[in-house]
Amino acid sequence: MSDIVQEAWRKYLIQLQAHPLRTKAITAGCLAGCSDLIAQKISGVKRLQLRRLLLIMLYGFAYSGPFGHFLHKVMDIIFRGKKGNKTVAKKVLLEQLTSSPWNNFFFMMYYGLVVEGRPLGLVRSKVRKDYPNIQLTAWKFWPIVGWINYQYMPLQFRVLFHSFVASCWAIFLNLKARSSAIKAA
């Protein structure tokens, strides 16, 4: 079994080197799909909601993976050649003040409008109500992830690491969105 895993990892690394954006997008889509499967199971969904699953995978593939790819490239350009704890802290702070609020807002809007198909007014109201709590929770969790990512992960693995942790975070967001949708119904 370990030979199969080692060979799969080797092939993944080859694809990551040859086609980084595509590989990161596919990885983010697959991990987003896995997180949604888990979230559906945890939330007690009796029958798999395939449309929802595919739309969450689309989010990971079309937005999350590419966004992460370019975010880390930009961070590397902004802080080129700079290392150390002070630089890592600046990267984490910059990420938390820019991409974190945007990504949480964008996910909530996407989930409400596209995944659930709710009207804009209802989604806006829900975002106004839930966003502050979600963002405050994110600021308790993601800086630690960011620190680990910038301090210990090589550039080519940052999106993979971030996507893996984001799949866990997405379970939280999915469940939060789902519980609010159930209350609204």
Foldseek 3Di string as FASTA:
>chain_A
DVVVVVVVVVVLVVCCVVPVLQSLLQLLLVLQLVLVVVLCVVVPPPDDPVLLSNLSSCCSNVPLSNVLLVLLVVLCVVQPPDDDDVSLLVSLVVCLVPVLLVVLLVVLQCCQCPNVVHDPVVSVVVCVVCVVVLSVVCVVPVSVLSSCLVHPNDSSCSSVSVSNVVSVVVSVVVNVSVVVVVVVD
